[in-house]
């Protein structure tokens, strides 16, 4: 047991002296890029006065919740949208999004979060303009949920 303790102290001493003998100061580790976090909860629902309600949103930066229709294959039609609502950083409940066109019963829609990166408070992502207000990405995937109009 004493031999192991002595060996450990010797290795520690050699490591410290090796670090101290270099002429260059140690380089601190690079700071990690801030991690985006977001959460989106939406359920199947009826339209109410031409709008849908997103039950819960969490965002690490100001952004938008955007409603997309589904194409014939069931994937979101993007960058086009049929509704947008601004959402502040933090948590928001029961966010109402007014739709810009009628949607039939049984239609599949997608709620997708976007980060406000352009002119603050103005949604600028769409056909022909995809440089600003891009989809919020977590683990290399856009934060979105499908839901159905009942």
Foldseek 3Di string as FASTA:
>chain_A
DVVVVVVVVVVVVVVVVVQVPDPDHDDDDDDDDDAWDKAWAAEAEADDPQKGWTAKIATQAKWKKFKFFADPVRHGDPPDGFWIDTDGHGMDGGDITHGNDDDDAFTKMKIFIWHADDPPPDDQGGVPTHPGRHADDHPRDTHMDMYGHD
